[in-house]
Amino acid sequence: MITAPDAEWLAAFTRRLIEDRLCSSGHCIETIRSIYKWQGEIYDKHEARVMLHTRTSLVQQIIDRTNREHPYEVPCVLATPITLGNAAYLQWILDETNESGE
């Protein structure tokens, strides 16, 4: 999962990750409300969020790329494992991603 201040930036970033086979897809939610404390101040802002579908072996590359390209100094990037799902869908994720990330 990645959040960003701009839905269009996040959609374009997701598209690049898919083109580079780092994820098979991303489900984008254009408006979420984020309430957080940053550098001593509490913020209440609208952001966008994407849930990427990928392999565990590619998560670090996604984190590294997000850190390089994201507009935030410390972007939110979280990974949770898939423990169960439609076997055909899970295979599609594997088919659409590059195991080596190259």
PDB file of N, CA and C in Angstrom:
ATOM      1  N   MET A   1       0.843  -1.172   0.000  1.00  0.00           N
ATOM      2  CA  MET A   1       0.000   0.000   0.000  1.00  0.00           C
ATOM      3  C   MET A   1       0.887   1.233   0.000  1.00  0.00           C
ATOM      4  N   ILE A   2       0.536   2.193  -0.815  1.00  0.00           N
ATOM      5  CA  ILE A   2       1.269   3.457  -0.888  1.00  0.00           C
ATOM      6  C   ILE A   2       0.238   4.582  -0.855  1.00  0.00           C
ATOM      7  N   THR A   3       0.524   5.630  -0.100  1.00  0.00           N
ATOM      8  CA  THR A   3      -0.320   6.819  -0.114  1.00  0.00           C
ATOM      9  C   THR A   3       0.468   7.968  -0.723  1.00  0.00           C
ATOM     10  N   ALA A   4      -0.267   8.955  -1.239  1.00  0.00           N
ATOM     11  CA  ALA A   4       0.362  10.122  -1.862  1.00  0.00           C
ATOM     12  C   ALA A   4      -0.605  11.301  -1.806  1.00  0.00           C
ATOM     13  N   PRO A   5      -0.083  12.517  -1.918  1.00  0.00           N
ATOM     14  CA  PRO A   5      -0.946  13.684  -1.842  1.00  0.00           C
ATOM     15  C   PRO A   5      -1.757  13.928  -3.107  1.00  0.00           C
ATOM     16  N   ASP A   6      -1.402  13.273  -4.216  1.00  0.00           N
ATOM     17  CA  ASP A   6      -2.038  13.555  -5.503  1.00  0.00           C
ATOM     18  C   ASP A   6      -2.414  12.246  -6.202  1.00  0.00           C
ATOM     19  N   ALA A   7      -3.700  12.070  -6.487  1.00  0.00           N
ATOM     20  CA  ALA A   7      -4.191  10.831  -7.099  1.00  0.00           C
ATOM     21  C   ALA A   7      -3.612  10.609  -8.493  1.00  0.00           C
ATOM     22  N   GLU A   8      -3.453  11.657  -9.271  1.00  0.00           N
ATOM     23  CA  GLU A   8      -2.919  11.499 -10.632  1.00  0.00           C
ATOM     24  C   GLU A   8      -1.450  11.087 -10.602  1.00  0.00           C
ATOM     25  N   TRP A   9      -0.680  11.675  -9.687  1.00  0.00           N
ATOM     26  CA  TRP A   9       0.723  11.253  -9.556  1.00  0.00           C
ATOM     27  C   TRP A   9       0.777   9.776  -9.179  1.00  0.00           C
ATOM     28  N   LEU A  10      -0.072   9.374  -8.231  1.00  0.00           N
ATOM     29  CA  LEU A  10      -0.060   7.994  -7.759  1.00  0.00           C
ATOM     30  C   LEU A  10      -0.479   7.029  -8.866  1.00  0.00           C
ATOM     31  N   ALA A  11      -1.463   7.401  -9.672  1.00  0.00           N
ATOM     32  CA  ALA A  11      -1.892   6.550 -10.785  1.00  0.00           C
ATOM     33  C   ALA A  11      -0.768   6.403 -11.811  1.00  0.00           C
ATOM     34  N   ALA A  12      -0.084   7.483 -12.131  1.00  0.00           N
ATOM     35  CA  ALA A  12       1.029   7.420 -13.087  1.00  0.00           C
ATOM     36  C   ALA A  12       2.180   6.581 -12.524  1.00  0.00           C
ATOM     37  N   PHE A  13       2.466   6.727 -11.247  1.00  0.00           N
ATOM     38  CA  PHE A  13       3.510   5.938 -10.596  1.00  0.00           C
ATOM     39  C   PHE A  13       3.150   4.453 -10.644  1.00  0.00           C
ATOM     40  N   THR A  14       1.892   4.139 -10.341  1.00  0.00           N
ATOM     41  CA  THR A  14       1.421   2.750 -10.388  1.00  0.00           C
ATOM     42  C   THR A  14       1.559   2.190 -11.800  1.00  0.00           C
ATOM     43  N   ARG A  15       1.181   2.975 -12.782  1.00  0.00           N
ATOM     44  CA  ARG A  15       1.296   2.544 -14.178  1.00  0.00           C
ATOM     45  C   ARG A  15       2.742   2.194 -14.523  1.00  0.00           C
ATOM     46  N   ARG A  16       3.692   3.001 -14.070  1.00  0.00           N
ATOM     47  CA  ARG A  16       5.115   2.721 -14.334  1.00  0.00           C
ATOM     48  C   ARG A  16       5.559   1.429 -13.651  1.00  0.00           C
ATOM     49  N   LEU A  17       5.082   1.190 -12.432  1.00  0.00           N
ATOM     50  CA  LEU A  17       5.419  -0.059 -11.737  1.00  0.00           C
ATOM     51  C   LEU A  17       4.885  -1.264 -12.503  1.00  0.00           C
ATOM     52  N   ILE A  18       3.671  -1.146 -13.044  1.00  0.00           N
ATOM     53  CA  ILE A  18       3.083  -2.235 -13.829  1.00  0.00           C
ATOM     54  C   ILE A  18       3.871  -2.440 -15.120  1.00  0.00           C
ATOM     55  N   GLU A  19       4.204  -1.341 -15.800  1.00  0.00           N
ATOM     56  CA  GLU A  19       4.987  -1.442 -17.042  1.00  0.00           C
ATOM     57  C   GLU A  19       6.316  -2.143 -16.800  1.00  0.00           C
ATOM     58  N   ASP A  20       6.916  -1.891 -15.648  1.00  0.00           N
ATOM     59  CA  ASP A  20       8.210  -2.489 -15.313  1.00  0.00           C
ATOM     60  C   ASP A  20       8.072  -3.857 -14.642  1.00  0.00           C
ATOM     61  N   ARG A  21       6.843  -4.365 -14.574  1.00  0.00           N
ATOM     62  CA  ARG A  21       6.529  -5.696 -14.040  1.00  0.00           C
ATOM     63  C   ARG A  21       6.892  -5.860 -12.565  1.00  0.00           C
ATOM     64  N   LEU A  22       6.865  -4.743 -11.826  1.00  0.00           N
ATOM     65  CA  LEU A  22       7.089  -4.815 -10.384  1.00  0.00           C
ATOM     66  C   LEU A  22       5.805  -5.135  -9.634  1.00  0.00           C
ATOM     67  N   CYS A  23       4.659  -4.940 -10.279  1.00  0.00           N
ATOM     68  CA  CYS A  23       3.378  -5.356  -9.719  1.00  0.00           C
ATOM     69  C   CYS A  23       2.448  -5.680 -10.883  1.00  0.00           C
ATOM     70  N   SER A  24       1.420  -6.463 -10.588  1.00  0.00           N
ATOM     71  CA  SER A  24       0.475  -6.847 -11.637  1.00  0.00           C
ATOM     72  C   SER A  24      -0.652  -5.834 -11.789  1.00  0.00           C
ATOM     73  N   SER A  25      -0.967  -5.146 -10.707  1.00  0.00           N
ATOM     74  CA  SER A  25      -2.075  -4.195 -10.732  1.00  0.00           C
ATOM     75  C   SER A  25      -2.027  -3.331  -9.479  1.00  0.00           C
ATOM     76  N   GLY A  26      -2.846  -2.303  -9.504  1.00  0.00           N
ATOM     77  CA  GLY A  26      -3.000  -1.458  -8.335  1.00  0.00           C
ATOM     78  C   GLY A  26      -4.429  -0.981  -8.244  1.00  0.00           C
ATOM     79  N   HIS A  27      -5.044  -1.144  -7.095  1.00  0.00           N
ATOM     80  CA  HIS A  27      -6.397  -0.650  -6.875  1.00  0.00           C
ATOM     81  C   HIS A  27      -6.284   0.708  -6.189  1.00  0.00           C
ATOM     82  N   CYS A  28      -6.639   1.740  -6.935  1.00  0.00           N
ATOM     83  CA  CYS A  28      -6.473   3.118  -6.460  1.00  0.00           C
ATOM     84  C   CYS A  28      -7.763   3.637  -5.825  1.00  0.00           C
ATOM     85  N   ILE A  29      -7.600   4.256  -4.692  1.00  0.00           N
ATOM     86  CA  ILE A  29      -8.692   4.975  -4.038  1.00  0.00           C
ATOM     87  C   ILE A  29      -8.282   6.440  -4.069  1.00  0.00           C
ATOM     88  N   GLU A  30      -9.061   7.244  -4.753  1.00  0.00           N
ATOM     89  CA  GLU A  30      -8.630   8.613  -5.011  1.00  0.00           C
ATOM     90  C   GLU A  30      -8.696   9.531  -3.808  1.00  0.00           C
ATOM     91  N   THR A  31      -9.616   9.293  -2.896  1.00  0.00           N
ATOM     92  CA  THR A  31      -9.685  10.180  -1.739  1.00  0.00           C
ATOM     93  C   THR A  31      -9.796   9.374  -0.459  1.00  0.00           C
ATOM     94  N   ILE A  32      -8.791   9.534   0.371  1.00  0.00           N
ATOM     95  CA  ILE A  32      -8.845   9.024   1.731  1.00  0.00           C
ATOM     96  C   ILE A  32      -8.540  10.204   2.650  1.00  0.00           C
ATOM     97  N   ARG A  33      -8.949  10.110   3.853  1.00  0.00           N
ATOM     98  CA  ARG A  33      -8.652  11.161   4.825  1.00  0.00           C
ATOM     99  C   ARG A  33      -7.575  10.644   5.755  1.00  0.00           C
ATOM    100  N   SER A  34      -6.442  11.308   5.754  1.00  0.00           N
ATOM    101  CA  SER A  34      -5.313  10.913   6.599  1.00  0.00           C
ATOM    102  C   SER A  34      -5.138  11.919   7.721  1.00  0.00           C
ATOM    103  N   ILE A  35      -5.091  11.422   8.931  1.00  0.00           N
ATOM    104  CA  ILE A  35      -4.841  12.253  10.112  1.00  0.00           C
ATOM    105  C   ILE A  35      -3.578  11.703  10.740  1.00  0.00           C
ATOM    106  N   TYR A  36      -2.572  12.566  10.856  1.00  0.00           N
ATOM    107  CA  TYR A  36      -1.274  12.087  11.326  1.00  0.00           C
ATOM    108  C   TYR A  36      -0.486  13.222  11.968  1.00  0.00           C
ATOM    109  N   LYS A  37       0.512  12.834  12.720  1.00  0.00           N
ATOM    110  CA  LYS A  37       1.409  13.803  13.345  1.00  0.00           C
ATOM    111  C   LYS A  37       2.747  13.743  12.625  1.00  0.00           C
ATOM    112  N   TRP A  38       3.227  14.888  12.183  1.00  0.00           N
ATOM    113  CA  TRP A  38       4.500  14.982  11.473  1.00  0.00           C
ATOM    114  C   TRP A  38       5.256  16.187  11.993  1.00  0.00           C
ATOM    115  N   GLN A  39       6.441  15.954  12.495  1.00  0.00           N
ATOM    116  CA  GLN A  39       7.312  17.007  13.019  1.00  0.00           C
ATOM    117  C   GLN A  39       6.591  17.898  14.024  1.00  0.00           C
ATOM    118  N   GLY A  40       5.866  17.236  14.935  1.00  0.00           N
ATOM    119  CA  GLY A  40       5.228  17.933  16.039  1.00  0.00           C
ATOM    120  C   GLY A  40       3.880  18.559  15.744  1.00  0.00           C
ATOM    121  N   GLU A  41       3.412  18.484  14.504  1.00  0.00           N
ATOM    122  CA  GLU A  41       2.144  19.105  14.135  1.00  0.00           C
ATOM    123  C   GLU A  41       1.177  18.026  13.664  1.00  0.00           C
ATOM    124  N   ILE A  42      -0.100  18.171  14.034  1.00  0.00           N
ATOM    125  CA  ILE A  42      -1.130  17.228  13.594  1.00  0.00           C
ATOM    126  C   ILE A  42      -1.739  17.741  12.295  1.00  0.00           C
ATOM    127  N   TYR A  43      -1.828  16.852  11.313  1.00  0.00           N
ATOM    128  CA  TYR A  43      -2.380  17.160   9.999  1.00  0.00           C
ATOM    129  C   TYR A  43      -3.656  16.363   9.781  1.00  0.00           C
ATOM    130  N   ASP A  44      -4.557  16.929   9.008  1.00  0.00           N
ATOM    131  CA  ASP A  44      -5.802  16.290   8.599  1.00  0.00           C
ATOM    132  C   ASP A  44      -5.945  16.612   7.119  1.00  0.00           C
ATOM    133  N   LYS A  45      -5.542  15.669   6.263  1.00  0.00           N
ATOM    134  CA  LYS A  45      -5.446  15.954   4.828  1.00  0.00           C
ATOM    135  C   LYS A  45      -6.087  14.843   4.000  1.00  0.00           C
ATOM    136  N   HIS A  46      -6.438  15.219   2.792  1.00  0.00           N
ATOM    137  CA  HIS A  46      -6.908  14.244   1.810  1.00  0.00           C
ATOM    138  C   HIS A  46      -5.713  13.726   1.033  1.00  0.00           C
ATOM    139  N   GLU A  47      -5.680  12.415   0.847  1.00  0.00           N
ATOM    140  CA  GLU A  47      -4.625  11.764   0.076  1.00  0.00           C
ATOM    141  C   GLU A  47      -5.276  10.730  -0.831  1.00  0.00           C
ATOM    142  N   ALA A  48      -4.445  10.090  -1.635  1.00  0.00           N
ATOM    143  CA  ALA A  48      -4.864   8.938  -2.435  1.00  0.00           C
ATOM    144  C   ALA A  48      -4.096   7.730  -1.923  1.00  0.00           C
ATOM    145  N   ARG A  49      -4.659   6.536  -2.189  1.00  0.00           N
ATOM    146  CA  ARG A  49      -3.998   5.309  -1.747  1.00  0.00           C
ATOM    147  C   ARG A  49      -4.122   4.274  -2.853  1.00  0.00           C
ATOM    148  N   VAL A  50      -3.075   3.490  -3.015  1.00  0.00           N
ATOM    149  CA  VAL A  50      -3.109   2.375  -3.954  1.00  0.00           C
ATOM    150  C   VAL A  50      -2.693   1.102  -3.223  1.00  0.00           C
ATOM    151  N   MET A  51      -3.396   0.032  -3.533  1.00  0.00           N
ATOM    152  CA  MET A  51      -3.029  -1.284  -3.023  1.00  0.00           C
ATOM    153  C   MET A  51      -2.462  -2.051  -4.211  1.00  0.00           C
ATOM    154  N   LEU A  52      -1.175  -2.336  -4.153  1.00  0.00           N
ATOM    155  CA  LEU A  52      -0.494  -3.034  -5.238  1.00  0.00           C
ATOM    156  C   LEU A  52      -0.555  -4.542  -5.017  1.00  0.00           C
ATOM    157  N   HIS A  53      -0.575  -5.280  -6.101  1.00  0.00           N
ATOM    158  CA  HIS A  53      -0.533  -6.739  -6.038  1.00  0.00           C
ATOM    159  C   HIS A  53       0.786  -7.172  -6.659  1.00  0.00           C
ATOM    160  N   THR A  54       1.619  -7.815  -5.840  1.00  0.00           N
ATOM    161  CA  THR A  54       2.965  -8.143  -6.294  1.00  0.00           C
ATOM    162  C   THR A  54       3.499  -9.360  -5.557  1.00  0.00           C
ATOM    163  N   ARG A  55       4.744  -9.684  -5.849  1.00  0.00           N
ATOM    164  CA  ARG A  55       5.455 -10.770  -5.171  1.00  0.00           C
ATOM    165  C   ARG A  55       6.219 -10.202  -3.974  1.00  0.00           C
ATOM    166  N   THR A  56       6.390 -11.007  -2.959  1.00  0.00           N
ATOM    167  CA  THR A  56       7.193 -10.588  -1.805  1.00  0.00           C
ATOM    168  C   THR A  56       8.597 -10.199  -2.243  1.00  0.00           C
ATOM    169  N   SER A  57       9.146 -10.920  -3.201  1.00  0.00           N
ATOM    170  CA  SER A  57      10.522 -10.663  -3.653  1.00  0.00           C
ATOM    171  C   SER A  57      10.691  -9.314  -4.332  1.00  0.00           C
ATOM    172  N   LEU A  58       9.593  -8.649  -4.713  1.00  0.00           N
ATOM    173  CA  LEU A  58       9.687  -7.356  -5.398  1.00  0.00           C
ATOM    174  C   LEU A  58       9.385  -6.167  -4.490  1.00  0.00           C
ATOM    175  N   VAL A  59       8.955  -6.439  -3.265  1.00  0.00           N
ATOM    176  CA  VAL A  59       8.545  -5.356  -2.373  1.00  0.00           C
ATOM    177  C   VAL A  59       9.684  -4.374  -2.114  1.00  0.00           C
ATOM    178  N   GLN A  60      10.880  -4.846  -1.859  1.00  0.00           N
ATOM    179  CA  GLN A  60      11.985  -3.932  -1.558  1.00  0.00           C
ATOM    180  C   GLN A  60      12.281  -3.013  -2.742  1.00  0.00           C
ATOM    181  N   GLN A  61      12.180  -3.530  -3.956  1.00  0.00           N
ATOM    182  CA  GLN A  61      12.396  -2.674  -5.133  1.00  0.00           C
ATOM    183  C   GLN A  61      11.322  -1.591  -5.229  1.00  0.00           C
ATOM    184  N   ILE A  62      10.081  -1.938  -4.881  1.00  0.00           N
ATOM    185  CA  ILE A  62       9.007  -0.947  -4.882  1.00  0.00           C
ATOM    186  C   ILE A  62       9.262   0.099  -3.801  1.00  0.00           C
ATOM    187  N   ILE A  63       9.688  -0.331  -2.631  1.00  0.00           N
ATOM    188  CA  ILE A  63      10.015   0.620  -1.552  1.00  0.00           C
ATOM    189  C   ILE A  63      11.129   1.552  -1.994  1.00  0.00           C
ATOM    190  N   ASP A  64      12.196   1.009  -2.563  1.00  0.00           N
ATOM    191  CA  ASP A  64      13.329   1.831  -2.998  1.00  0.00           C
ATOM    192  C   ASP A  64      12.898   2.845  -4.055  1.00  0.00           C
ATOM    193  N   ARG A  65      12.104   2.398  -5.003  1.00  0.00           N
ATOM    194  CA  ARG A  65      11.659   3.299  -6.069  1.00  0.00           C
ATOM    195  C   ARG A  65      10.740   4.379  -5.519  1.00  0.00           C
ATOM    196  N   THR A  66       9.854   3.998  -4.604  1.00  0.00           N
ATOM    197  CA  THR A  66       8.966   4.979  -3.980  1.00  0.00           C
ATOM    198  C   THR A  66       9.782   6.024  -3.238  1.00  0.00           C
ATOM    199  N   ASN A  67      10.781   5.603  -2.492  1.00  0.00           N
ATOM    200  CA  ASN A  67      11.633   6.551  -1.769  1.00  0.00           C
ATOM    201  C   ASN A  67      12.341   7.517  -2.715  1.00  0.00           C
ATOM    202  N   ARG A  68      12.712   7.068  -3.898  1.00  0.00           N
ATOM    203  CA  ARG A  68      13.390   7.937  -4.875  1.00  0.00           C
ATOM    204  C   ARG A  68      12.437   8.916  -5.550  1.00  0.00           C
ATOM    205  N   GLU A  69      11.212   8.479  -5.867  1.00  0.00           N
ATOM    206  CA  GLU A  69      10.335   9.259  -6.747  1.00  0.00           C
ATOM    207  C   GLU A  69       9.178   9.976  -6.046  1.00  0.00           C
ATOM    208  N   HIS A  70       8.861   9.578  -4.835  1.00  0.00           N
ATOM    209  CA  HIS A  70       7.679  10.095  -4.131  1.00  0.00           C
ATOM    210  C   HIS A  70       7.876  11.542  -3.698  1.00  0.00           C
ATOM    211  N   PRO A  71       6.815  12.349  -3.713  1.00  0.00           N
ATOM    212  CA  PRO A  71       6.949  13.750  -3.282  1.00  0.00           C
ATOM    213  C   PRO A  71       7.139  13.932  -1.781  1.00  0.00           C
ATOM    214  N   TYR A  72       6.779  12.938  -0.968  1.00  0.00           N
ATOM    215  CA  TYR A  72       6.967  13.066   0.478  1.00  0.00           C
ATOM    216  C   TYR A  72       8.394  12.704   0.874  1.00  0.00           C
ATOM    217  N   GLU A  73       8.852  13.341   1.935  1.00  0.00           N
ATOM    218  CA  GLU A  73      10.167  13.020   2.501  1.00  0.00           C
ATOM    219  C   GLU A  73      10.193  11.588   3.038  1.00  0.00           C
ATOM    220  N   VAL A  74       9.109  11.179   3.685  1.00  0.00           N
ATOM    221  CA  VAL A  74       8.987   9.824   4.231  1.00  0.00           C
ATOM    222  C   VAL A  74       7.645   9.254   3.749  1.00  0.00           C
ATOM    223  N   PRO A  75       7.624   8.612   2.576  1.00  0.00           N
ATOM    224  CA  PRO A  75       6.359   8.091   2.065  1.00  0.00           C
ATOM    225  C   PRO A  75       5.876   6.860   2.820  1.00  0.00           C
ATOM    226  N   CYS A  76       4.567   6.709   2.881  1.00  0.00           N
ATOM    227  CA  CYS A  76       3.949   5.522   3.473  1.00  0.00           C
ATOM    228  C   CYS A  76       3.999   4.399   2.441  1.00  0.00           C
ATOM    229  N   VAL A  77       4.724   3.357   2.757  1.00  0.00           N
ATOM    230  CA  VAL A  77       4.748   2.135   1.950  1.00  0.00           C
ATOM    231  C   VAL A  77       4.661   0.979   2.940  1.00  0.00           C
ATOM    232  N   LEU A  78       3.586   0.205   2.856  1.00  0.00           N
ATOM    233  CA  LEU A  78       3.382  -0.924   3.757  1.00  0.00           C
ATOM    234  C   LEU A  78       3.100  -2.174   2.940  1.00  0.00           C
ATOM    235  N   ALA A  79       3.590  -3.297   3.413  1.00  0.00           N
ATOM    236  CA  ALA A  79       3.333  -4.564   2.749  1.00  0.00           C
ATOM    237  C   ALA A  79       2.679  -5.523   3.729  1.00  0.00           C
ATOM    238  N   THR A  80       1.632  -6.174   3.284  1.00  0.00           N
ATOM    239  CA  THR A  80       0.998  -7.225   4.064  1.00  0.00           C
ATOM    240  C   THR A  80       0.952  -8.479   3.191  1.00  0.00           C
ATOM    241  N   PRO A  81       1.199  -9.620   3.780  1.00  0.00           N
ATOM    242  CA  PRO A  81       1.221 -10.846   2.974  1.00  0.00           C
ATOM    243  C   PRO A  81      -0.176 -11.282   2.558  1.00  0.00           C
ATOM    244  N   ILE A  82      -0.250 -11.911   1.419  1.00  0.00           N
ATOM    245  CA  ILE A  82      -1.484 -12.559   0.983  1.00  0.00           C
ATOM    246  C   ILE A  82      -1.457 -13.959   1.590  1.00  0.00           C
ATOM    247  N   THR A  83      -2.425 -14.266   2.402  1.00  0.00           N
ATOM    248  CA  THR A  83      -2.437 -15.574   3.045  1.00  0.00           C
ATOM    249  C   THR A  83      -3.364 -16.555   2.335  1.00  0.00           C
ATOM    250  N   LEU A  84      -4.334 -16.046   1.602  1.00  0.00           N
ATOM    251  CA  LEU A  84      -5.288 -16.899   0.915  1.00  0.00           C
ATOM    252  C   LEU A  84      -5.944 -16.093  -0.189  1.00  0.00           C
ATOM    253  N   GLY A  85      -6.358 -16.758  -1.236  1.00  0.00           N
ATOM    254  CA  GLY A  85      -7.045 -16.059  -2.308  1.00  0.00           C
ATOM    255  C   GLY A  85      -7.406 -16.998  -3.435  1.00  0.00           C
ATOM    256  N   ASN A  86      -8.069 -16.466  -4.433  1.00  0.00           N
ATOM    257  CA  ASN A  86      -8.424 -17.206  -5.632  1.00  0.00           C
ATOM    258  C   ASN A  86      -7.129 -17.663  -6.304  1.00  0.00           C
ATOM    259  N   ALA A  87      -6.934 -18.964  -6.424  1.00  0.00           N
ATOM    260  CA  ALA A  87      -5.684 -19.510  -6.959  1.00  0.00           C
ATOM    261  C   ALA A  87      -5.382 -18.980  -8.355  1.00  0.00           C
ATOM    262  N   ALA A  88      -6.401 -18.846  -9.186  1.00  0.00           N
ATOM    263  CA  ALA A  88      -6.188 -18.337 -10.544  1.00  0.00           C
ATOM    264  C   ALA A  88      -5.727 -16.880 -10.513  1.00  0.00           C
ATOM    265  N   TYR A  89      -6.286 -16.085  -9.615  1.00  0.00           N
ATOM    266  CA  TYR A  89      -5.875 -14.684  -9.487  1.00  0.00           C
ATOM    267  C   TYR A  89      -4.443 -14.587  -8.968  1.00  0.00           C
ATOM    268  N   LEU A  90      -4.117 -15.392  -7.987  1.00  0.00           N
ATOM    269  CA  LEU A  90      -2.753 -15.386  -7.444  1.00  0.00           C
ATOM    270  C   LEU A  90      -1.746 -15.792  -8.518  1.00  0.00           C
ATOM    271  N   GLN A  91      -2.102 -16.735  -9.360  1.00  0.00           N
ATOM    272  CA  GLN A  91      -1.222 -17.134 -10.460  1.00  0.00           C
ATOM    273  C   GLN A  91      -1.064 -16.003 -11.456  1.00  0.00           C
ATOM    274  N   TRP A  92      -2.140 -15.261 -11.702  1.00  0.00           N
ATOM    275  CA  TRP A  92      -2.069 -14.110 -12.613  1.00  0.00           C
ATOM    276  C   TRP A  92      -1.073 -13.075 -12.075  1.00  0.00           C
ATOM    277  N   ILE A  93      -1.075 -12.827 -10.764  1.00  0.00           N
ATOM    278  CA  ILE A  93      -0.097 -11.899 -10.177  1.00  0.00           C
ATOM    279  C   ILE A  93       1.313 -12.386 -10.486  1.00  0.00           C
ATOM    280  N   LEU A  94       1.560 -13.656 -10.301  1.00  0.00           N
ATOM    281  CA  LEU A  94       2.891 -14.212 -10.589  1.00  0.00           C
ATOM    282  C   LEU A  94       3.230 -14.105 -12.076  1.00  0.00           C
ATOM    283  N   ASP A  95       2.255 -14.379 -12.935  1.00  0.00           N
ATOM    284  CA  ASP A  95       2.486 -14.317 -14.374  1.00  0.00           C
ATOM    285  C   ASP A  95       2.801 -12.910 -14.863  1.00  0.00           C
ATOM    286  N   GLU A  96       2.224 -11.910 -14.208  1.00  0.00           N
ATOM    287  CA  GLU A  96       2.380 -10.527 -14.663  1.00  0.00           C
ATOM    288  C   GLU A  96       3.527  -9.770 -14.005  1.00  0.00           C
ATOM    289  N   THR A  97       4.221 -10.414 -13.102  1.00  0.00           N
ATOM    290  CA  THR A  97       5.357  -9.767 -12.454  1.00  0.00           C
ATOM    291  C   THR A  97       6.625 -10.525 -12.797  1.00  0.00           C
ATOM    292  N   ASN A  98       7.736  -9.825 -12.700  1.00  0.00           N
ATOM    293  CA  ASN A  98       9.023 -10.408 -13.013  1.00  0.00           C
ATOM    294  C   ASN A  98       9.691 -10.822 -11.714  1.00  0.00           C
ATOM    295  N   GLU A  99       9.902 -12.100 -11.540  1.00  0.00           N
ATOM    296  CA  GLU A  99      10.445 -12.601 -10.273  1.00  0.00           C
ATOM    297  C   GLU A  99      11.744 -11.902  -9.883  1.00  0.00           C
ATOM    298  N   SER A 100      12.601 -11.632 -10.848  1.00  0.00           N
ATOM    299  CA  SER A 100      13.880 -10.991 -10.540  1.00  0.00           C
ATOM    300  C   SER A 100      13.768  -9.470 -10.475  1.00  0.00           C
ATOM    301  N   GLY A 101      12.669  -8.931 -10.988  1.00  0.00           N
ATOM    302  CA  GLY A 101      12.509  -7.483 -10.996  1.00  0.00           C
ATOM    303  C   GLY A 101      13.319  -6.805 -12.074  1.00  0.00           C
ATOM    304  N   GLU A 102      13.809  -7.563 -13.035  1.00  0.00           N
ATOM    305  CA  GLU A 102      14.616  -6.972 -14.111  1.00  0.00           C
ATOM    306  C   GLU A 102      13.820  -6.858 -15.380  1.00  0.00           C
TER     307      GLU A 102
END
